[in-house]
Each structure stands twice: as C-alpha cells, then as structure tokens.
N, C-alpha and C. Protein backbone atom coordinates (compact mmCIF):
# COMPACT_ATOMS: atom_id res chain seq x y z
N MET A 1 8.48 -19.03 7.00
CA MET A 1 8.59 -18.70 8.42
C MET A 1 8.65 -17.19 8.62
N CYS A 2 9.41 -16.52 7.79
CA CYS A 2 9.52 -15.06 7.90
C CYS A 2 8.17 -14.40 7.75
N ALA A 3 7.41 -14.84 6.75
CA ALA A 3 6.11 -14.22 6.50
C ALA A 3 5.14 -14.49 7.64
N SER A 4 5.18 -15.70 8.21
CA SER A 4 4.24 -16.01 9.28
C SER A 4 4.55 -15.21 10.53
N LEU A 5 5.80 -14.84 10.72
CA LEU A 5 6.16 -14.05 11.88
C LEU A 5 5.91 -12.56 11.65
N LEU A 6 6.21 -12.08 10.48
CA LEU A 6 6.19 -10.64 10.23
C LEU A 6 4.88 -10.15 9.62
N GLY A 7 4.10 -11.03 9.07
CA GLY A 7 2.85 -10.60 8.45
C GLY A 7 2.94 -10.69 6.95
N ALA A 8 1.79 -10.80 6.34
CA ALA A 8 1.73 -10.98 4.89
C ALA A 8 0.66 -10.06 4.32
N CYS A 9 1.09 -9.00 3.67
CA CYS A 9 0.15 -8.02 3.13
C CYS A 9 0.14 -8.07 1.61
N THR A 10 -1.01 -7.79 1.04
CA THR A 10 -1.16 -7.68 -0.40
C THR A 10 -1.81 -6.33 -0.68
N ILE A 11 -1.23 -5.55 -1.59
CA ILE A 11 -1.72 -4.21 -1.85
C ILE A 11 -1.95 -4.03 -3.35
N GLY A 12 -2.75 -3.04 -3.68
CA GLY A 12 -2.96 -2.74 -5.09
C GLY A 12 -3.60 -1.39 -5.29
N VAL A 13 -3.51 -0.90 -6.51
CA VAL A 13 -4.16 0.34 -6.90
C VAL A 13 -4.84 0.11 -8.24
N ILE A 14 -6.06 0.64 -8.37
CA ILE A 14 -6.84 0.53 -9.60
C ILE A 14 -7.29 1.93 -10.00
N THR A 15 -7.11 2.29 -11.24
CA THR A 15 -7.48 3.62 -11.71
C THR A 15 -8.99 3.78 -11.81
N GLY A 16 -9.44 5.02 -11.77
CA GLY A 16 -10.87 5.30 -11.88
C GLY A 16 -11.47 4.86 -13.20
N SER A 17 -10.68 4.84 -14.25
CA SER A 17 -11.19 4.40 -15.56
C SER A 17 -11.55 2.93 -15.58
N SER A 18 -11.13 2.17 -14.56
CA SER A 18 -11.38 0.73 -14.53
C SER A 18 -12.46 0.33 -13.53
N THR A 19 -12.99 1.29 -12.77
CA THR A 19 -14.00 0.97 -11.77
C THR A 19 -15.40 1.33 -12.27
N ALA A 20 -16.40 0.70 -11.65
CA ALA A 20 -17.77 0.89 -12.10
C ALA A 20 -18.26 2.32 -11.89
N ASP A 21 -17.75 3.00 -10.84
CA ASP A 21 -18.22 4.37 -10.54
C ASP A 21 -17.22 5.44 -10.92
N GLY A 22 -16.11 5.05 -11.55
CA GLY A 22 -15.13 6.03 -11.99
C GLY A 22 -14.20 6.54 -10.90
N ARG A 23 -14.25 5.93 -9.72
CA ARG A 23 -13.39 6.37 -8.62
C ARG A 23 -12.23 5.40 -8.45
N PRO A 24 -11.01 5.88 -8.30
CA PRO A 24 -9.86 4.98 -8.11
C PRO A 24 -9.95 4.28 -6.77
N ILE A 25 -9.28 3.15 -6.66
CA ILE A 25 -9.26 2.37 -5.43
C ILE A 25 -7.83 1.97 -5.11
N ILE A 26 -7.46 2.10 -3.83
CA ILE A 26 -6.29 1.40 -3.32
C ILE A 26 -6.79 0.43 -2.25
N PHE A 27 -6.15 -0.74 -2.18
CA PHE A 27 -6.59 -1.72 -1.18
C PHE A 27 -5.39 -2.39 -0.53
N LYS A 28 -5.64 -2.94 0.67
CA LYS A 28 -4.60 -3.64 1.40
C LYS A 28 -5.23 -4.73 2.25
N THR A 29 -4.71 -5.96 2.15
CA THR A 29 -5.00 -6.96 3.16
C THR A 29 -3.88 -6.88 4.18
N ARG A 30 -4.23 -6.98 5.44
CA ARG A 30 -3.22 -6.87 6.50
C ARG A 30 -3.24 -8.15 7.32
N ASP A 31 -2.53 -9.17 6.87
CA ASP A 31 -2.50 -10.46 7.56
C ASP A 31 -1.43 -10.46 8.63
N ILE A 32 -1.84 -10.18 9.86
CA ILE A 32 -0.92 -10.24 10.99
C ILE A 32 -1.62 -10.96 12.13
N ASP A 33 -0.85 -11.39 13.12
CA ASP A 33 -1.39 -12.18 14.21
C ASP A 33 -1.92 -11.32 15.36
N ARG A 34 -1.73 -10.01 15.29
CA ARG A 34 -2.15 -9.13 16.38
C ARG A 34 -3.57 -8.62 16.16
N TRP A 35 -4.25 -8.41 17.25
CA TRP A 35 -5.63 -7.94 17.20
C TRP A 35 -5.76 -6.48 17.64
N ASP A 36 -4.67 -5.87 18.12
CA ASP A 36 -4.75 -4.53 18.72
C ASP A 36 -4.64 -3.45 17.64
N LEU A 37 -5.61 -3.44 16.73
CA LEU A 37 -5.62 -2.51 15.61
C LEU A 37 -6.86 -1.62 15.69
N GLU A 38 -6.72 -0.41 15.18
CA GLU A 38 -7.87 0.48 15.11
C GLU A 38 -7.62 1.55 14.06
N PHE A 39 -8.66 2.28 13.72
CA PHE A 39 -8.52 3.44 12.86
C PHE A 39 -8.56 4.70 13.72
N LYS A 40 -7.65 5.62 13.44
CA LYS A 40 -7.58 6.87 14.18
C LYS A 40 -7.57 8.04 13.21
N VAL A 41 -8.07 9.17 13.67
CA VAL A 41 -7.92 10.43 12.95
C VAL A 41 -6.75 11.17 13.58
N ILE A 42 -5.75 11.47 12.75
CA ILE A 42 -4.52 12.11 13.22
C ILE A 42 -4.59 13.59 12.88
N THR A 43 -4.55 14.44 13.91
CA THR A 43 -4.74 15.89 13.71
C THR A 43 -3.50 16.69 14.10
N SER A 44 -2.36 16.03 14.26
CA SER A 44 -1.16 16.72 14.77
C SER A 44 -0.49 17.61 13.73
N SER A 45 -0.82 17.43 12.44
CA SER A 45 -0.17 18.20 11.39
C SER A 45 -0.85 19.55 11.20
N THR A 46 -0.03 20.55 10.85
CA THR A 46 -0.59 21.87 10.51
C THR A 46 -0.98 21.95 9.04
N VAL A 47 -0.71 20.88 8.29
CA VAL A 47 -1.02 20.88 6.85
C VAL A 47 -2.26 20.04 6.58
N HIS A 48 -2.18 18.72 6.77
CA HIS A 48 -3.31 17.85 6.47
C HIS A 48 -3.63 16.91 7.64
N THR A 49 -4.90 16.79 7.93
CA THR A 49 -5.42 15.76 8.83
C THR A 49 -5.60 14.48 8.04
N PHE A 50 -5.42 13.33 8.71
CA PHE A 50 -5.64 12.08 7.98
C PHE A 50 -6.21 11.00 8.90
N ALA A 51 -6.89 10.03 8.29
CA ALA A 51 -7.38 8.84 8.99
C ALA A 51 -6.48 7.68 8.62
N ALA A 52 -6.14 6.85 9.62
CA ALA A 52 -5.16 5.79 9.36
C ALA A 52 -5.45 4.56 10.20
N ASN A 53 -5.00 3.42 9.69
CA ASN A 53 -4.99 2.17 10.43
C ASN A 53 -3.70 2.11 11.23
N THR A 54 -3.82 1.94 12.55
CA THR A 54 -2.67 1.93 13.44
C THR A 54 -2.82 0.81 14.46
N TYR A 55 -1.75 0.58 15.23
CA TYR A 55 -1.91 -0.20 16.45
C TYR A 55 -2.55 0.70 17.51
N THR A 56 -3.20 0.10 18.49
CA THR A 56 -3.89 0.91 19.50
C THR A 56 -2.92 1.75 20.33
N SER A 57 -1.68 1.30 20.43
CA SER A 57 -0.71 1.97 21.29
C SER A 57 0.10 3.05 20.59
N THR A 58 -0.09 3.24 19.27
CA THR A 58 0.72 4.19 18.52
C THR A 58 -0.17 4.99 17.56
N THR A 59 0.45 5.97 16.92
CA THR A 59 -0.22 6.70 15.83
C THR A 59 0.50 6.45 14.51
N SER A 60 1.37 5.45 14.46
CA SER A 60 2.09 5.14 13.22
C SER A 60 1.14 4.49 12.23
N PRO A 61 0.97 5.08 11.04
CA PRO A 61 0.00 4.55 10.08
C PRO A 61 0.56 3.41 9.24
N TRP A 62 -0.32 2.46 8.89
CA TRP A 62 0.04 1.39 7.96
C TRP A 62 -0.82 1.43 6.71
N MET A 63 -1.83 2.27 6.70
CA MET A 63 -2.56 2.70 5.51
C MET A 63 -3.39 3.90 5.94
N GLY A 64 -3.67 4.80 4.99
CA GLY A 64 -4.44 5.97 5.39
C GLY A 64 -4.80 6.86 4.21
N VAL A 65 -5.65 7.84 4.50
CA VAL A 65 -6.07 8.83 3.50
C VAL A 65 -6.24 10.16 4.21
N ASN A 66 -5.83 11.25 3.53
CA ASN A 66 -5.90 12.55 4.20
C ASN A 66 -7.07 13.38 3.71
N ASP A 67 -7.18 14.60 4.23
CA ASP A 67 -8.37 15.42 4.01
C ASP A 67 -8.45 16.03 2.61
N VAL A 68 -7.44 15.81 1.77
CA VAL A 68 -7.53 16.27 0.38
C VAL A 68 -7.52 15.10 -0.60
N GLY A 69 -7.77 13.88 -0.07
CA GLY A 69 -7.94 12.73 -0.95
C GLY A 69 -6.67 12.03 -1.37
N PHE A 70 -5.55 12.33 -0.71
CA PHE A 70 -4.32 11.58 -0.98
C PHE A 70 -4.32 10.35 -0.09
N GLY A 71 -4.20 9.17 -0.71
CA GLY A 71 -4.23 7.93 0.05
C GLY A 71 -3.04 7.05 -0.23
N ILE A 72 -2.66 6.22 0.76
CA ILE A 72 -1.49 5.37 0.61
C ILE A 72 -1.67 4.10 1.44
N VAL A 73 -1.25 2.97 0.88
CA VAL A 73 -1.17 1.71 1.61
C VAL A 73 0.22 1.13 1.39
N GLN A 74 0.63 0.21 2.26
CA GLN A 74 2.01 -0.27 2.25
C GLN A 74 2.07 -1.76 2.48
N SER A 75 3.03 -2.42 1.84
CA SER A 75 3.39 -3.80 2.17
C SER A 75 4.89 -3.87 2.35
N ALA A 76 5.33 -4.60 3.37
CA ALA A 76 6.76 -4.78 3.58
C ALA A 76 7.35 -5.59 2.44
N ALA A 77 8.56 -5.24 2.04
CA ALA A 77 9.29 -5.97 1.00
C ALA A 77 10.42 -6.74 1.68
N TYR A 78 10.24 -8.04 1.85
CA TYR A 78 11.19 -8.83 2.63
C TYR A 78 12.46 -9.16 1.86
N ASN A 79 12.50 -8.88 0.58
CA ASN A 79 13.73 -9.15 -0.19
C ASN A 79 14.54 -7.88 -0.42
N VAL A 80 14.21 -6.83 0.31
CA VAL A 80 14.96 -5.57 0.27
C VAL A 80 15.50 -5.31 1.67
N THR A 81 16.77 -4.92 1.76
CA THR A 81 17.38 -4.63 3.06
C THR A 81 17.32 -3.14 3.34
N ALA A 82 16.70 -2.78 4.46
CA ALA A 82 16.64 -1.37 4.86
C ALA A 82 17.95 -0.99 5.53
N THR A 83 18.66 -0.06 4.93
CA THR A 83 19.92 0.41 5.49
C THR A 83 19.84 1.92 5.67
N GLY A 84 20.72 2.45 6.49
CA GLY A 84 20.74 3.89 6.69
C GLY A 84 19.70 4.35 7.68
N SER A 85 19.56 5.64 7.79
CA SER A 85 18.64 6.25 8.75
C SER A 85 17.62 7.08 7.99
N GLY A 86 16.76 7.74 8.75
CA GLY A 86 15.74 8.57 8.13
C GLY A 86 14.37 7.91 8.21
N LEU A 87 13.49 8.32 7.33
CA LEU A 87 12.12 7.81 7.33
C LEU A 87 12.09 6.30 7.12
N ASN A 88 11.28 5.60 7.94
CA ASN A 88 11.13 4.16 7.77
C ASN A 88 9.79 3.84 7.11
N ASN A 89 9.44 2.56 7.05
CA ASN A 89 8.25 2.16 6.31
C ASN A 89 7.00 2.91 6.76
N SER A 90 6.82 3.08 8.06
CA SER A 90 5.63 3.74 8.58
C SER A 90 5.78 5.25 8.68
N SER A 91 6.93 5.74 9.13
CA SER A 91 7.09 7.18 9.29
C SER A 91 7.07 7.91 7.95
N LEU A 92 7.47 7.23 6.87
CA LEU A 92 7.33 7.82 5.54
C LEU A 92 5.85 8.04 5.23
N MET A 93 5.02 7.05 5.57
CA MET A 93 3.58 7.19 5.34
C MET A 93 3.01 8.35 6.13
N SER A 94 3.42 8.46 7.39
CA SER A 94 2.94 9.57 8.23
C SER A 94 3.33 10.91 7.63
N PHE A 95 4.57 11.01 7.18
CA PHE A 95 5.06 12.27 6.62
C PHE A 95 4.30 12.67 5.37
N VAL A 96 4.08 11.72 4.47
CA VAL A 96 3.42 12.10 3.21
C VAL A 96 1.92 12.33 3.41
N LEU A 97 1.29 11.61 4.34
CA LEU A 97 -0.13 11.87 4.62
C LEU A 97 -0.31 13.26 5.21
N LYS A 98 0.66 13.70 5.98
CA LYS A 98 0.59 15.05 6.57
C LYS A 98 0.89 16.15 5.56
N ASN A 99 1.63 15.83 4.50
CA ASN A 99 2.17 16.89 3.65
C ASN A 99 1.80 16.82 2.17
N CYS A 100 1.30 15.70 1.69
CA CYS A 100 1.09 15.55 0.24
C CYS A 100 -0.38 15.71 -0.16
N GLU A 101 -0.56 16.31 -1.32
CA GLU A 101 -1.87 16.39 -1.95
C GLU A 101 -1.93 15.56 -3.22
N THR A 102 -0.79 15.38 -3.88
CA THR A 102 -0.77 14.70 -5.16
C THR A 102 0.27 13.58 -5.18
N VAL A 103 0.09 12.66 -6.12
CA VAL A 103 1.06 11.60 -6.35
C VAL A 103 2.40 12.19 -6.75
N ASP A 104 2.39 13.25 -7.55
CA ASP A 104 3.65 13.88 -7.97
C ASP A 104 4.44 14.41 -6.78
N GLU A 105 3.75 14.97 -5.79
CA GLU A 105 4.45 15.44 -4.58
C GLU A 105 5.08 14.28 -3.83
N PHE A 106 4.38 13.18 -3.75
CA PHE A 106 4.93 11.98 -3.12
C PHE A 106 6.19 11.50 -3.84
N LEU A 107 6.13 11.44 -5.16
CA LEU A 107 7.29 10.99 -5.93
C LEU A 107 8.46 11.95 -5.79
N HIS A 108 8.18 13.25 -5.67
CA HIS A 108 9.25 14.23 -5.46
C HIS A 108 9.95 13.98 -4.13
N ILE A 109 9.19 13.63 -3.08
CA ILE A 109 9.79 13.31 -1.79
C ILE A 109 10.70 12.09 -1.90
N LEU A 110 10.27 11.09 -2.66
CA LEU A 110 11.13 9.92 -2.85
C LEU A 110 12.39 10.27 -3.63
N ASP A 111 12.26 11.11 -4.65
CA ASP A 111 13.45 11.55 -5.39
C ASP A 111 14.44 12.23 -4.45
N SER A 112 13.93 13.08 -3.58
CA SER A 112 14.80 13.83 -2.66
C SER A 112 15.46 12.92 -1.64
N THR A 113 14.70 11.97 -1.09
CA THR A 113 15.27 11.11 -0.05
C THR A 113 16.06 9.94 -0.62
N ASP A 114 15.98 9.70 -1.93
CA ASP A 114 16.93 8.75 -2.54
C ASP A 114 18.36 9.22 -2.27
N ALA A 115 18.55 10.51 -2.33
CA ALA A 115 19.90 11.08 -2.16
C ALA A 115 20.33 11.08 -0.70
N THR A 116 19.42 11.40 0.21
CA THR A 116 19.79 11.51 1.62
C THR A 116 19.68 10.19 2.36
N GLY A 117 18.88 9.25 1.85
CA GLY A 117 18.73 7.94 2.46
C GLY A 117 17.47 7.83 3.30
N ARG A 118 16.93 6.61 3.35
CA ARG A 118 15.77 6.28 4.17
C ARG A 118 16.00 4.92 4.81
N ALA A 119 15.16 4.56 5.76
CA ALA A 119 15.21 3.22 6.36
C ALA A 119 14.02 2.40 5.86
N THR A 120 13.77 2.46 4.56
CA THR A 120 12.59 1.83 3.98
C THR A 120 12.93 0.55 3.22
N ALA A 121 12.03 -0.42 3.33
CA ALA A 121 12.06 -1.64 2.53
C ALA A 121 10.61 -2.02 2.32
N ALA A 122 9.96 -1.37 1.37
CA ALA A 122 8.51 -1.48 1.28
C ALA A 122 8.00 -1.17 -0.11
N ASN A 123 6.75 -1.55 -0.33
CA ASN A 123 6.00 -1.15 -1.53
C ASN A 123 4.85 -0.25 -1.08
N TYR A 124 4.58 0.78 -1.87
CA TYR A 124 3.49 1.71 -1.55
C TYR A 124 2.56 1.85 -2.75
N ALA A 125 1.27 1.69 -2.52
CA ALA A 125 0.25 1.99 -3.53
C ALA A 125 -0.38 3.31 -3.15
N VAL A 126 -0.43 4.24 -4.10
CA VAL A 126 -0.81 5.62 -3.79
C VAL A 126 -1.79 6.14 -4.83
N PHE A 127 -2.76 6.96 -4.38
CA PHE A 127 -3.61 7.69 -5.32
C PHE A 127 -3.91 9.08 -4.78
N ASP A 128 -4.44 9.93 -5.66
CA ASP A 128 -4.85 11.26 -5.22
C ASP A 128 -6.20 11.60 -5.82
N ALA A 129 -6.72 12.77 -5.45
CA ALA A 129 -8.05 13.18 -5.89
C ALA A 129 -8.08 13.69 -7.32
N TYR A 130 -6.93 13.73 -7.97
CA TYR A 130 -6.84 14.26 -9.33
C TYR A 130 -6.65 13.16 -10.37
N GLY A 131 -6.76 11.91 -9.96
CA GLY A 131 -6.63 10.79 -10.88
C GLY A 131 -5.25 10.16 -10.89
N GLY A 132 -4.32 10.69 -10.11
CA GLY A 132 -2.98 10.10 -10.04
C GLY A 132 -3.02 8.76 -9.34
N ALA A 133 -2.25 7.80 -9.81
CA ALA A 133 -2.19 6.47 -9.21
C ALA A 133 -0.87 5.82 -9.59
N VAL A 134 -0.20 5.22 -8.60
CA VAL A 134 1.08 4.59 -8.86
C VAL A 134 1.38 3.60 -7.74
N LEU A 135 2.18 2.58 -8.05
CA LEU A 135 2.75 1.70 -7.04
C LEU A 135 4.26 1.88 -7.08
N VAL A 136 4.87 2.05 -5.92
CA VAL A 136 6.30 2.32 -5.84
C VAL A 136 6.98 1.28 -4.97
N GLU A 137 8.06 0.70 -5.48
CA GLU A 137 8.95 -0.12 -4.67
C GLU A 137 10.02 0.80 -4.10
N CYS A 138 10.26 0.71 -2.79
CA CYS A 138 11.06 1.74 -2.14
C CYS A 138 12.14 1.11 -1.26
N ALA A 139 13.39 1.19 -1.69
CA ALA A 139 14.52 0.78 -0.88
C ALA A 139 15.14 2.01 -0.21
N SER A 140 16.29 1.86 0.38
CA SER A 140 16.87 2.96 1.16
C SER A 140 17.34 4.12 0.29
N ARG A 141 17.90 3.83 -0.87
CA ARG A 141 18.43 4.90 -1.72
C ARG A 141 17.99 4.78 -3.18
N GLU A 142 16.94 4.03 -3.42
CA GLU A 142 16.38 3.94 -4.76
C GLU A 142 14.92 3.57 -4.67
N HIS A 143 14.19 3.90 -5.71
CA HIS A 143 12.80 3.46 -5.80
C HIS A 143 12.46 3.24 -7.26
N ALA A 144 11.44 2.43 -7.50
CA ALA A 144 10.97 2.16 -8.86
C ALA A 144 9.47 2.39 -8.90
N GLU A 145 9.04 3.06 -9.96
CA GLU A 145 7.63 3.42 -10.11
C GLU A 145 6.95 2.49 -11.11
N TYR A 146 5.76 2.01 -10.74
CA TYR A 146 4.99 1.12 -11.59
C TYR A 146 3.58 1.70 -11.74
N PHE A 147 3.27 2.14 -12.93
CA PHE A 147 1.97 2.73 -13.18
C PHE A 147 1.00 1.64 -13.63
N PRO A 148 -0.30 1.81 -13.39
CA PRO A 148 -1.27 0.77 -13.75
C PRO A 148 -1.16 0.36 -15.22
N ASP A 149 -1.43 -0.92 -15.47
CA ASP A 149 -1.31 -1.47 -16.82
C ASP A 149 -2.53 -1.14 -17.66
N SER A 150 -2.69 -1.83 -18.78
CA SER A 150 -3.78 -1.51 -19.71
C SER A 150 -5.16 -1.76 -19.10
N LEU A 151 -5.24 -2.59 -18.06
CA LEU A 151 -6.50 -2.80 -17.35
C LEU A 151 -6.68 -1.82 -16.19
N GLY A 152 -5.66 -1.00 -15.95
CA GLY A 152 -5.74 -0.03 -14.86
C GLY A 152 -5.38 -0.60 -13.52
N ILE A 153 -4.56 -1.66 -13.49
CA ILE A 153 -4.26 -2.39 -12.25
C ILE A 153 -2.76 -2.48 -12.03
N VAL A 154 -2.33 -2.40 -10.77
CA VAL A 154 -0.99 -2.81 -10.38
C VAL A 154 -1.06 -3.29 -8.94
N VAL A 155 -0.46 -4.45 -8.64
CA VAL A 155 -0.52 -5.05 -7.31
C VAL A 155 0.86 -5.54 -6.89
N ARG A 156 1.03 -5.73 -5.57
CA ARG A 156 2.25 -6.31 -5.01
C ARG A 156 1.91 -7.08 -3.76
N ALA A 157 2.82 -8.00 -3.41
CA ALA A 157 2.73 -8.70 -2.13
C ALA A 157 3.92 -8.25 -1.28
N ASN A 158 4.74 -9.20 -0.82
CA ASN A 158 5.83 -8.84 0.10
C ASN A 158 7.21 -8.99 -0.53
N PHE A 159 7.34 -8.52 -1.76
CA PHE A 159 8.64 -8.47 -2.40
C PHE A 159 8.65 -7.28 -3.35
N SER A 160 9.85 -6.86 -3.70
CA SER A 160 10.05 -5.82 -4.71
C SER A 160 10.94 -6.36 -5.81
N TYR A 161 10.65 -6.00 -7.03
CA TYR A 161 11.49 -6.44 -8.14
C TYR A 161 12.86 -5.80 -8.10
N ILE A 162 13.01 -4.69 -7.37
CA ILE A 162 14.33 -4.07 -7.24
C ILE A 162 15.16 -4.76 -6.17
N GLY A 163 14.58 -5.74 -5.46
CA GLY A 163 15.31 -6.48 -4.43
C GLY A 163 15.91 -7.76 -4.97
N SER A 164 16.16 -8.71 -4.08
CA SER A 164 16.73 -10.00 -4.47
C SER A 164 15.71 -10.82 -5.25
N SER A 165 16.10 -12.04 -5.60
CA SER A 165 15.23 -12.88 -6.43
C SER A 165 14.11 -13.55 -5.64
N GLU A 166 14.07 -13.38 -4.32
CA GLU A 166 12.99 -13.96 -3.53
C GLU A 166 11.67 -13.29 -3.91
N ARG A 167 10.59 -14.07 -3.91
CA ARG A 167 9.28 -13.56 -4.33
C ARG A 167 8.21 -13.93 -3.29
N GLU A 168 8.38 -13.40 -2.08
CA GLU A 168 7.46 -13.71 -0.99
C GLU A 168 6.04 -13.23 -1.31
N GLY A 169 5.11 -14.16 -1.34
CA GLY A 169 3.71 -13.81 -1.56
C GLY A 169 3.31 -13.64 -3.01
N ILE A 170 4.13 -14.10 -3.95
CA ILE A 170 3.78 -13.89 -5.36
C ILE A 170 2.45 -14.56 -5.71
N GLU A 171 2.12 -15.67 -5.00
CA GLU A 171 0.84 -16.33 -5.26
C GLU A 171 -0.32 -15.44 -4.86
N ARG A 172 -0.16 -14.66 -3.77
CA ARG A 172 -1.20 -13.71 -3.36
C ARG A 172 -1.31 -12.57 -4.37
N MET A 173 -0.18 -12.09 -4.85
CA MET A 173 -0.18 -11.02 -5.83
C MET A 173 -0.89 -11.46 -7.11
N GLU A 174 -0.57 -12.64 -7.59
CA GLU A 174 -1.19 -13.14 -8.82
C GLU A 174 -2.68 -13.40 -8.61
N ARG A 175 -3.06 -13.90 -7.43
CA ARG A 175 -4.47 -14.14 -7.14
C ARG A 175 -5.23 -12.82 -7.09
N ALA A 176 -4.66 -11.81 -6.43
CA ALA A 176 -5.32 -10.50 -6.35
C ALA A 176 -5.50 -9.91 -7.74
N TYR A 177 -4.46 -9.99 -8.55
CA TYR A 177 -4.56 -9.44 -9.91
C TYR A 177 -5.66 -10.14 -10.68
N SER A 178 -5.72 -11.47 -10.59
CA SER A 178 -6.72 -12.23 -11.33
C SER A 178 -8.14 -11.84 -10.91
N LEU A 179 -8.37 -11.71 -9.61
CA LEU A 179 -9.71 -11.36 -9.12
C LEU A 179 -10.11 -9.95 -9.56
N VAL A 180 -9.17 -9.01 -9.47
CA VAL A 180 -9.48 -7.64 -9.87
C VAL A 180 -9.71 -7.57 -11.37
N ALA A 181 -8.88 -8.25 -12.15
CA ALA A 181 -9.00 -8.20 -13.61
C ALA A 181 -10.34 -8.76 -14.07
N GLN A 182 -10.83 -9.80 -13.40
CA GLN A 182 -12.14 -10.37 -13.78
C GLN A 182 -13.22 -9.31 -13.68
N ALA A 183 -13.22 -8.56 -12.58
CA ALA A 183 -14.25 -7.54 -12.38
C ALA A 183 -14.07 -6.35 -13.32
N VAL A 184 -12.83 -5.99 -13.60
CA VAL A 184 -12.59 -4.89 -14.55
C VAL A 184 -13.15 -5.25 -15.91
N ARG A 185 -12.87 -6.46 -16.35
CA ARG A 185 -13.34 -6.88 -17.68
C ARG A 185 -14.86 -6.94 -17.78
N SER A 186 -15.51 -7.23 -16.65
CA SER A 186 -16.97 -7.33 -16.67
C SER A 186 -17.65 -6.01 -16.30
N GLY A 187 -16.84 -4.98 -15.98
CA GLY A 187 -17.40 -3.68 -15.64
C GLY A 187 -18.07 -3.62 -14.28
N THR A 188 -17.69 -4.53 -13.35
CA THR A 188 -18.36 -4.60 -12.05
C THR A 188 -17.44 -4.29 -10.88
N LEU A 189 -16.26 -3.76 -11.14
CA LEU A 189 -15.33 -3.52 -10.04
C LEU A 189 -15.76 -2.32 -9.21
N ASP A 190 -15.99 -2.54 -7.93
CA ASP A 190 -16.30 -1.46 -7.01
C ASP A 190 -15.77 -1.83 -5.62
N LEU A 191 -16.00 -0.97 -4.64
CA LEU A 191 -15.48 -1.22 -3.30
C LEU A 191 -16.07 -2.49 -2.69
N ASN A 192 -17.34 -2.75 -2.94
CA ASN A 192 -17.97 -3.95 -2.40
C ASN A 192 -17.27 -5.21 -2.92
N TYR A 193 -16.93 -5.20 -4.20
CA TYR A 193 -16.23 -6.35 -4.77
C TYR A 193 -14.85 -6.52 -4.13
N ILE A 194 -14.14 -5.42 -3.94
CA ILE A 194 -12.82 -5.50 -3.30
C ILE A 194 -12.94 -6.11 -1.91
N ALA A 195 -13.94 -5.66 -1.14
CA ALA A 195 -14.09 -6.13 0.24
C ALA A 195 -14.53 -7.59 0.32
N THR A 196 -15.51 -7.96 -0.50
CA THR A 196 -16.12 -9.28 -0.37
C THR A 196 -15.45 -10.36 -1.20
N ARG A 197 -14.78 -9.98 -2.28
CA ARG A 197 -14.19 -10.98 -3.16
C ARG A 197 -12.68 -10.99 -3.14
N VAL A 198 -12.06 -9.83 -2.99
CA VAL A 198 -10.60 -9.76 -3.05
C VAL A 198 -9.99 -9.88 -1.66
N ILE A 199 -10.30 -8.93 -0.78
CA ILE A 199 -9.70 -8.95 0.55
C ILE A 199 -10.10 -10.22 1.31
N ALA A 200 -11.37 -10.61 1.22
CA ALA A 200 -11.82 -11.81 1.92
C ALA A 200 -11.17 -13.07 1.38
N ASP A 201 -10.69 -13.05 0.16
CA ASP A 201 -10.08 -14.21 -0.48
C ASP A 201 -8.62 -14.39 -0.09
N LEU A 202 -7.94 -13.30 0.26
CA LEU A 202 -6.48 -13.33 0.37
C LEU A 202 -5.98 -13.51 1.79
N HIS A 203 -6.63 -14.33 2.59
CA HIS A 203 -6.16 -14.54 3.95
C HIS A 203 -5.26 -15.75 4.03
N ARG A 204 -4.46 -15.82 5.08
CA ARG A 204 -3.60 -16.97 5.29
C ARG A 204 -4.35 -18.03 6.09
N PRO A 205 -4.25 -19.31 5.73
CA PRO A 205 -4.93 -20.37 6.48
C PRO A 205 -4.52 -20.41 7.96
N SER A 206 -3.30 -19.94 8.26
CA SER A 206 -2.84 -19.97 9.65
C SER A 206 -3.59 -18.97 10.52
N GLU A 207 -4.28 -18.01 9.90
CA GLU A 207 -5.02 -17.00 10.66
C GLU A 207 -6.44 -17.52 10.92
N ASP A 208 -6.59 -18.35 11.92
CA ASP A 208 -7.91 -18.92 12.22
C ASP A 208 -8.06 -19.02 13.73
N PRO A 209 -8.93 -18.26 14.37
CA PRO A 209 -9.89 -17.35 13.72
C PRO A 209 -9.20 -16.14 13.12
N TYR A 210 -9.81 -15.58 12.10
CA TYR A 210 -9.18 -14.49 11.35
C TYR A 210 -9.42 -13.15 12.03
N PRO A 211 -8.37 -12.42 12.37
CA PRO A 211 -8.56 -11.10 13.01
C PRO A 211 -9.37 -10.15 12.16
C-alpha cells in the first residue's frame, strides 16, 4: 500500500567499462500515478546549470545531469526514517547538481552533512565525467557507499540496507540487475537497451495506462 501511494522507483549505475561504448550510465524508473512531469533546464545557480526531471509546478529535481557531466538519480528508501532538518531527498539533489563536478565532491558533502543532519531517506546513484560512479544509501546522519561490483553494476529499489529489515521493491532490484547483467556479459549494454529492455520492463501493473 505504501509503495502504491508513494511511488516505486528503481535506480542503478553502470560503469563505462561495462557498456558497449565505454560511457557510464545511470538510470531510473519513476513509477508514480501523476502525469504532471517534465524536463527543465535550471539556470539559477552561479556554478552549474543542469537539466532535471521535475513536476510542472516546481523546479525540484528527481533526477538530473549538469553542464560538467555530473549526474544523479534518486529512489526513496521507505525503510529509513528521515529525521532532523536540512537538505531533503530532492533539495540535496538540487544542491549537488548546482555545485558538484565529481563523485568525490558529492561524497564530501555527505560526510559534512552527516554531522549537521539532513532530512533524507533515499538512495542516490551518481556518476561524473571522470569515470566516478557510486550508489549511496542516505539517512539523516549516516550514509553507506556501494561501488559497482565485478560486472560494473549496482542497483536499488525503495529500501536501504542501512534501514530496517523491510525490502520494498527487492523484486524490481533483482530484476533490474538480472537484465543489466545479461547485456554486460554479452557486450551489448547501451542506452537503447536500458530504455527498451530495462526501464520498459520494470513498471507496476497498477499503472495502466502507463504514464
């Protein structure tokens, strides 16, 4: 019930060494019941401009990439409780898209805000133009970093291992991993495969017609 009300996202990051063209990929399925979504170019920062998926009524990003190739996608972690104040799931993304060039800079921001606190309960898949790639589980005062495995893959659904024992969407996570791993092993993983085989596969039956 929680997932059907709040949405069910599956995210992942794949290193360039595992793709057919040598370029890293981050991906996100965004299973929600709302149709008021669009992509916007956000130019309010004096540091970096970025393109992001937002609701039509806001500029809060739920996935995006900036003008120096730093990209980030997010899935809510329903087994983590967001406590405290500060950056939340979306405003953290806005802040790092405006200010980060590298994965290391992003991780430094998380180290700093572990101490001061955040209002986050989310997973983030991140890459940069220098080959950096990581998936991070992010609670209010702690985070855990997961680097791609021997196949160059790391994925998550709507839970974090640093949270409770609930595993919302683990079937989607395992399905996404299996689909990506098949293409990595055959040397055919590219953006077209992600769009037509992975993202198109991971929808919820309740979303019909599919936004």
